[in-house]
Amino acid sequence: MEENKEYIDELIVAWLTNGLDEKGLSELKEWIAASAENESYFMQQQEIWFSAVGNDTGKYNSEKAFMQFKNRIAGQIQVQSQKKSTLFNWRIYGRYAAAAILLCLVSYFSYQQGEINIAKGFSMNVIEAPLGSITKVSLPDGTQVWLNAGSKIAYSQGFGVNNRELELEGEGYFEVIQNQQMPFWVKTEELVLRVLGTKFNFRDYPGDEEVIVSLSEGKVGLINLLKDEEDAFLSLNERAVLNKKSGDMHVESTVISIAQWTSGQLLFDEDLLPDIVKELERSYDVEIEIANESLNTVRFYGNFIRRKHTIEDVLDALSATRKIDYIINGRNITLY
């Protein structure tokens, strides 16, 4: 086999790189079938080729495969140098080096594709807070989230591995663990938040007129999905208000403790009446109708405790402003 091993090696490399023609393939098969020694040699070459795959870590060891090829060819060149010219030996070495480099590339892109396929395979975790209650969630990265009544978040099972992204529907208060290498993203239908480590409140129920983000610590960036404009940023004791109809968003100061609702309080910080109505419906399991369209632009401030104040207590306080009145009929309430 020694006299034609050089040619056989070229056939094997060509076969491994899908560059072997029909005639060469026939020669290679015939040579392999000629003896057990030939078959063993062929299998050994394949093992070297695929040695970059299948270690215990699940990653490809391309560097190891290249070194194995390099060492084997270096030995072959030393033996063959007595029979062939140096120029021809380097030509053979170059072919193997090229094949090894190709292996590195194939291994890398195969591994990258494997990571993508794994990421696609992750299912979504969905956590909901039922009506009339608050749910606290600890995310895999250590971030704490409080979900208000009727709210939910969804995130991949791979959360914290190669991203920290989640979707929010409703209202959530977040205490985000800092990670400079992996920002924390929260997305709704209208707004996207990007943070590193901070504390903020994000309210965006599907039926609300406005999206409100309030910040109590750190800094966040906001991307308006309703209107093409520059990203906005919130600093300590600021809040962003996004009008869902117009797409306009502005930043204003606030002195309200945004985390109060997590302890069972109902907090209205100059909120629109339609948004307050939806919060009362979720908190007290009632149905409220606004009889006059002119009331949709009225705003209220108020602070109540769910366990202490009844729906009548809240409505009495709102009507004391002389802006509205109400009628209760069982679970149905009309504001006028």
Protein backbone atom coordinates (compact mmCIF):
# COMPACT_ATOMS: atom_id res chain seq x y z
CA MET A 1 0.00 0.00 0.00
CA GLU A 2 2.96 2.31 0.67
CA GLU A 3 3.70 3.00 -2.97
CA ASN A 4 0.21 4.29 -3.80
CA LYS A 5 -0.83 5.68 -0.37
CA GLU A 6 -0.23 9.22 -1.58
CA TYR A 7 -2.77 8.76 -4.36
CA ILE A 8 -5.25 6.97 -2.05
CA ASP A 9 -4.96 9.82 0.46
CA GLU A 10 -5.91 12.26 -2.29
CA LEU A 11 -8.93 10.12 -3.16
CA ILE A 12 -10.05 10.02 0.50
CA VAL A 13 -9.69 13.78 0.94
CA ALA A 14 -11.61 14.38 -2.30
CA TRP A 15 -14.37 12.01 -1.12
CA LEU A 16 -14.62 13.76 2.26
CA THR A 17 -14.95 17.15 0.56
CA ASN A 18 -17.52 15.88 -1.98
CA GLY A 19 -15.02 16.44 -4.78
CA LEU A 20 -14.57 12.87 -6.00
CA ASP A 21 -15.76 11.99 -9.50
CA GLU A 22 -17.37 8.69 -10.51
CA LYS A 23 -14.12 7.15 -11.70
CA GLY A 24 -12.28 8.11 -8.51
CA LEU A 25 -15.12 6.80 -6.34
CA SER A 26 -14.96 3.45 -8.14
CA GLU A 27 -11.19 3.25 -7.59
CA LEU A 28 -11.55 4.13 -3.90
CA LYS A 29 -14.24 1.50 -3.30
CA GLU A 30 -12.18 -1.13 -5.11
CA TRP A 31 -9.10 -0.28 -3.04
CA ILE A 32 -11.05 -0.41 0.27
CA ALA A 33 -12.50 -3.83 -0.62
CA ALA A 34 -9.06 -5.23 -1.50
CA SER A 35 -7.96 -5.88 2.09
CA ALA A 36 -8.85 -5.46 5.75
CA GLU A 37 -5.77 -3.28 6.10
CA ASN A 38 -7.08 -0.88 3.46
CA GLU A 39 -10.49 -0.72 5.09
CA SER A 40 -8.89 -0.03 8.48
CA TYR A 41 -6.77 2.77 7.01
CA PHE A 42 -9.83 4.34 5.36
CA MET A 43 -11.76 4.26 8.65
CA GLN A 44 -8.80 5.81 10.47
CA GLN A 45 -8.73 8.73 8.02
CA GLN A 46 -12.47 9.26 8.49
CA GLU A 47 -12.05 9.33 12.27
CA ILE A 48 -9.42 12.05 11.97
CA TRP A 49 -11.74 14.04 9.69
CA PHE A 50 -14.68 13.86 12.06
CA SER A 51 -12.68 14.16 15.29
CA ALA A 52 -13.87 17.76 15.58
CA VAL A 53 -17.36 16.51 16.30
CA GLY A 54 -18.87 14.73 19.24
CA ASN A 55 -16.81 15.65 22.32
CA ASP A 56 -18.49 15.70 25.72
CA THR A 57 -19.20 19.43 25.69
CA GLY A 58 -21.33 19.20 22.55
CA LYS A 59 -19.08 21.66 20.71
CA TYR A 60 -16.90 21.06 17.71
CA ASN A 61 -13.12 20.80 18.34
CA SER A 62 -11.96 22.14 14.97
CA GLU A 63 -8.52 23.10 16.26
CA LYS A 64 -7.88 19.55 17.46
CA ALA A 65 -8.90 18.14 14.08
CA PHE A 66 -6.60 20.52 12.25
CA MET A 67 -3.62 19.61 14.44
CA GLN A 68 -4.25 15.91 13.88
CA PHE A 69 -4.25 16.44 10.13
CA LYS A 70 -1.15 18.61 10.33
CA ASN A 71 0.81 16.07 12.40
CA ARG A 72 -0.17 13.17 10.14
CA ILE A 73 0.79 15.01 6.97
CA ALA A 74 4.04 16.21 8.51
CA GLY A 75 4.98 12.57 9.10
CA GLN A 76 4.02 11.62 5.56
CA ILE A 77 6.10 14.44 4.09
CA GLN A 78 9.16 13.27 6.01
CA VAL A 79 8.90 9.77 4.54
CA GLN A 80 8.01 10.90 1.04
CA SER A 81 10.76 13.54 0.84
CA GLN A 82 13.25 10.79 -0.08
CA LYS A 83 11.23 9.92 -3.20
CA LYS A 84 9.47 13.09 -4.31
CA SER A 85 10.51 16.67 -4.81
CA THR A 86 9.95 19.25 -2.06
CA LEU A 87 7.63 21.21 -4.31
CA PHE A 88 5.32 18.24 -4.82
CA ASN A 89 5.31 17.46 -1.09
CA TRP A 90 4.18 20.97 -0.28
CA ARG A 91 1.42 20.66 -2.87
CA ILE A 92 0.10 17.60 -1.06
CA TYR A 93 0.46 19.34 2.30
CA GLY A 94 -1.48 22.30 0.95
CA ARG A 95 -4.36 20.06 -0.10
CA TYR A 96 -4.63 18.57 3.37
CA ALA A 97 -4.32 21.98 4.99
CA ALA A 98 -7.11 23.27 2.76
CA ALA A 99 -9.23 20.26 3.68
CA ALA A 100 -8.59 20.86 7.38
CA ILE A 101 -9.51 24.54 7.03
CA LEU A 102 -12.69 23.50 5.27
CA LEU A 103 -13.43 21.20 8.19
CA CYS A 104 -13.03 24.13 10.58
CA LEU A 105 -15.50 26.17 8.57
CA VAL A 106 -17.99 23.32 8.26
CA SER A 107 -17.69 22.60 11.97
CA TYR A 108 -18.18 26.25 12.93
CA PHE A 109 -21.21 26.84 10.76
CA SER A 110 -22.71 23.48 11.73
CA TYR A 111 -22.33 24.42 15.38
CA GLN A 112 -23.85 27.85 14.77
CA GLN A 113 -26.79 26.23 12.98
CA GLY A 114 -27.11 23.79 15.85
CA GLU A 115 -27.39 26.66 18.32
CA ILE A 116 -30.07 28.27 16.15
CA ASN A 117 -32.02 25.01 15.94
CA ILE A 118 -31.80 24.56 19.70
CA ALA A 119 -33.02 28.11 20.28
CA LYS A 120 -35.96 27.51 17.92
CA GLY A 121 -36.77 24.36 19.84
CA PHE A 122 -37.32 26.19 23.11
CA SER A 123 -40.99 26.43 24.03
CA MET A 124 -42.53 29.53 25.62
CA ASN A 125 -43.28 29.90 29.31
CA VAL A 126 -46.47 31.89 29.98
CA ILE A 127 -47.31 33.18 33.46
CA GLU A 128 -50.61 34.91 34.20
CA ALA A 129 -52.10 36.77 37.14
CA PRO A 130 -55.83 36.00 37.50
CA LEU A 131 -58.40 38.74 37.99
CA GLY A 132 -58.47 40.17 41.50
CA SER A 133 -54.95 39.03 42.43
CA ILE A 134 -51.26 39.81 42.07
CA THR A 135 -48.63 37.25 41.06
CA LYS A 136 -44.91 37.43 41.83
CA VAL A 137 -42.45 35.73 39.46
CA SER A 138 -38.73 34.97 39.77
CA LEU A 139 -37.14 34.75 36.32
CA PRO A 140 -34.20 32.39 35.59
CA ASP A 141 -31.69 35.29 35.74
CA GLY A 142 -32.85 36.34 39.21
CA THR A 143 -35.03 39.25 38.04
CA GLN A 144 -38.20 39.73 40.11
CA VAL A 145 -41.52 40.54 38.42
CA TRP A 146 -44.88 41.41 39.98
CA LEU A 147 -47.86 40.96 37.66
CA ASN A 148 -51.02 42.95 38.26
CA ALA A 149 -54.48 41.40 37.92
CA GLY A 150 -55.26 40.20 34.40
CA SER A 151 -51.64 40.48 33.25
CA LYS A 152 -49.24 37.95 31.75
CA ILE A 153 -45.67 37.55 30.55
CA ALA A 154 -44.20 35.11 28.03
CA TYR A 155 -40.55 34.16 27.66
CA SER A 156 -38.52 31.36 26.11
CA GLN A 157 -37.22 28.39 28.10
CA GLY A 158 -33.81 29.61 26.95
CA PHE A 159 -34.25 32.92 28.81
CA GLY A 160 -30.95 33.96 30.35
CA VAL A 161 -28.89 31.62 28.15
CA ASN A 162 -28.41 33.77 25.07
CA ASN A 163 -31.01 36.50 25.60
CA ARG A 164 -33.24 38.13 28.20
CA GLU A 165 -36.35 38.94 26.23
CA LEU A 166 -39.98 38.70 27.26
CA GLU A 167 -43.40 39.86 26.13
CA LEU A 168 -45.80 41.65 28.46
CA GLU A 169 -49.54 42.06 28.33
CA GLY A 170 -50.99 44.13 31.16
CA GLU A 171 -48.97 45.60 34.00
CA GLY A 172 -45.74 44.49 35.58
CA TYR A 173 -43.28 45.87 38.08
CA PHE A 174 -39.70 44.74 37.37
CA GLU A 175 -36.57 44.61 39.50
CA VAL A 176 -34.00 43.63 36.88
CA ILE A 177 -30.68 41.97 37.70
CA GLN A 178 -27.83 43.82 36.01
CA ASN A 179 -25.95 42.10 33.19
CA GLN A 180 -23.80 44.32 30.96
CA GLN A 181 -23.32 41.56 28.37
CA MET A 182 -27.01 40.69 28.08
CA PRO A 183 -29.54 43.56 28.14
CA PHE A 184 -33.08 42.96 29.38
CA TRP A 185 -35.89 43.55 26.85
CA VAL A 186 -39.62 43.92 27.49
CA LYS A 187 -41.96 44.12 24.50
CA THR A 188 -45.65 44.92 24.08
CA GLU A 189 -47.65 45.65 20.93
CA GLU A 190 -46.81 49.35 21.14
CA LEU A 191 -43.55 49.77 23.01
CA VAL A 192 -40.18 48.09 23.60
CA LEU A 193 -38.00 48.66 26.66
CA ARG A 194 -34.25 48.04 26.87
CA VAL A 195 -32.61 47.95 30.31
CA LEU A 196 -29.43 46.65 31.94
CA GLY A 197 -30.31 46.69 35.63
CA THR A 198 -33.07 48.83 37.07
CA LYS A 199 -36.53 49.06 38.67
CA PHE A 200 -39.51 50.15 36.62
CA ASN A 201 -43.24 49.74 36.11
CA PHE A 202 -44.68 48.94 32.69
CA ARG A 203 -48.43 49.15 32.08
CA ASP A 204 -49.91 48.27 28.70
CA TYR A 205 -53.23 46.46 28.88
CA PRO A 206 -54.73 45.74 25.41
CA GLY A 207 -57.77 47.95 26.00
CA ASP A 208 -55.98 50.88 27.64
CA GLU A 209 -55.84 54.28 25.97
CA GLU A 210 -52.25 54.86 27.05
CA VAL A 211 -49.04 52.97 27.70
CA ILE A 212 -47.24 54.17 30.84
CA VAL A 213 -43.70 53.34 31.91
CA SER A 214 -42.46 54.70 35.25
CA LEU A 215 -38.89 54.49 36.51
CA SER A 216 -37.76 54.36 40.14
CA GLU A 217 -34.12 53.30 39.71
CA GLY A 218 -31.53 53.19 36.93
CA LYS A 219 -32.23 54.14 33.32
CA VAL A 220 -34.25 52.63 30.47
CA GLY A 221 -34.49 53.18 26.73
CA LEU A 222 -37.86 53.17 24.96
CA ILE A 223 -38.61 52.31 21.33
CA ASN A 224 -41.97 53.58 20.07
CA LEU A 225 -43.47 50.97 17.74
CA LEU A 226 -46.39 53.22 16.75
CA LYS A 227 -44.41 56.15 15.40
CA ASP A 228 -41.03 56.56 13.72
CA GLU A 229 -39.08 58.76 16.11
CA GLU A 230 -35.85 58.82 18.11
CA ASP A 231 -35.61 56.50 21.09
CA ALA A 232 -36.59 58.06 24.40
CA PHE A 233 -34.85 57.57 27.75
CA LEU A 234 -36.15 57.63 31.30
CA SER A 235 -34.18 58.68 34.37
CA LEU A 236 -35.01 58.51 38.07
CA ASN A 237 -38.60 59.54 38.94
CA GLU A 238 -39.67 60.02 35.34
CA ARG A 239 -42.39 58.33 33.35
CA ALA A 240 -43.22 57.97 29.66
CA VAL A 241 -46.80 58.22 28.44
CA LEU A 242 -47.64 56.85 24.98
CA ASN A 243 -50.99 57.65 23.37
CA LYS A 244 -52.10 54.56 21.47
CA LYS A 245 -54.31 56.48 19.03
CA SER A 246 -51.90 59.21 17.96
CA GLY A 247 -48.64 57.38 18.63
CA ASP A 248 -47.32 60.44 20.46
CA MET A 249 -45.09 59.80 23.47
CA HIS A 250 -43.77 62.26 26.04
CA VAL A 251 -41.65 62.06 29.18
CA GLU A 252 -42.68 63.78 32.42
CA SER A 253 -41.67 63.90 36.08
CA THR A 254 -43.51 61.88 38.72
CA VAL A 255 -43.24 61.60 42.49
CA ILE A 256 -45.51 58.57 42.87
CA SER A 257 -44.12 55.36 44.34
CA ILE A 258 -44.73 53.11 41.36
CA ALA A 259 -44.43 49.87 43.33
CA GLN A 260 -47.35 50.55 45.67
CA TRP A 261 -49.79 48.39 43.73
CA THR A 262 -47.59 45.34 44.33
CA SER A 263 -48.70 45.45 47.99
CA GLY A 264 -52.40 45.54 47.07
CA GLN A 265 -52.92 49.26 46.54
CA LEU A 266 -54.89 50.80 43.68
CA LEU A 267 -52.90 53.80 42.47
CA PHE A 268 -54.21 56.30 39.93
CA ASP A 269 -51.71 58.98 38.97
CA GLU A 270 -53.74 61.37 36.80
CA ASP A 271 -54.89 58.39 34.75
CA LEU A 272 -57.63 58.54 32.13
CA LEU A 273 -61.05 57.38 33.31
CA PRO A 274 -61.30 54.55 30.71
CA ASP A 275 -58.04 53.10 32.02
CA ILE A 276 -59.20 53.47 35.63
CA VAL A 277 -62.45 51.70 34.74
CA LYS A 278 -60.57 48.70 33.33
CA GLU A 279 -58.39 48.53 36.44
CA LEU A 280 -61.48 48.55 38.67
CA GLU A 281 -63.10 45.82 36.57
CA ARG A 282 -60.01 43.62 36.93
CA SER A 283 -59.65 44.32 40.64
CA TYR A 284 -63.29 43.93 41.75
CA ASP A 285 -64.67 41.62 39.02
CA VAL A 286 -67.37 44.07 37.95
CA GLU A 287 -68.55 45.54 34.65
CA ILE A 288 -68.48 49.32 34.27
CA GLU A 289 -69.98 51.39 31.45
CA ILE A 290 -69.08 55.00 30.74
CA ALA A 291 -72.35 56.56 29.59
CA ASN A 292 -70.97 59.88 28.35
CA GLU A 293 -68.19 60.00 25.77
CA SER A 294 -66.99 63.32 27.19
CA LEU A 295 -65.81 61.45 30.32
CA ASN A 296 -63.20 59.53 28.30
CA THR A 297 -60.75 62.43 28.58
CA VAL A 298 -61.22 63.03 32.32
CA ARG A 299 -58.28 62.15 34.58
CA PHE A 300 -58.19 61.22 38.25
CA TYR A 301 -55.72 60.83 41.06
CA GLY A 302 -56.36 58.32 43.84
CA ASN A 303 -54.82 55.76 46.15
CA PHE A 304 -56.87 52.86 47.54
CA ILE A 305 -56.27 49.47 49.18
CA ARG A 306 -58.07 46.54 47.59
CA ARG A 307 -58.57 44.60 50.82
CA LYS A 308 -59.77 47.68 52.72
CA HIS A 309 -61.78 49.70 50.19
CA THR A 310 -64.83 48.35 48.36
CA ILE A 311 -65.78 49.32 44.83
CA GLU A 312 -68.36 51.70 46.37
CA ASP A 313 -65.61 53.41 48.40
CA VAL A 314 -63.58 54.03 45.25
CA LEU A 315 -66.58 55.31 43.28
CA ASP A 316 -67.60 57.61 46.15
CA ALA A 317 -64.12 59.13 46.15
CA LEU A 318 -64.18 59.66 42.38
CA SER A 319 -67.66 61.18 42.44
CA ALA A 320 -66.58 63.54 45.27
CA THR A 321 -64.58 65.41 42.64
CA ARG A 322 -67.95 66.36 41.03
CA LYS A 323 -66.64 65.17 37.68
CA ILE A 324 -68.75 61.99 37.58
CA ASP A 325 -71.62 60.18 39.25
CA TYR A 326 -72.55 56.50 39.24
CA ILE A 327 -75.34 53.94 39.48
CA ILE A 328 -74.77 50.39 40.79
CA ASN A 329 -77.00 47.46 39.82
CA GLY A 330 -75.42 44.27 41.19
CA ARG A 331 -72.13 43.77 39.34
CA ASN A 332 -73.05 46.34 36.68
CA ILE A 333 -72.03 49.95 37.17
CA THR A 334 -72.79 52.99 35.01
CA LEU A 335 -70.75 56.20 35.15
CA TYR A 336 -72.28 59.47 33.90
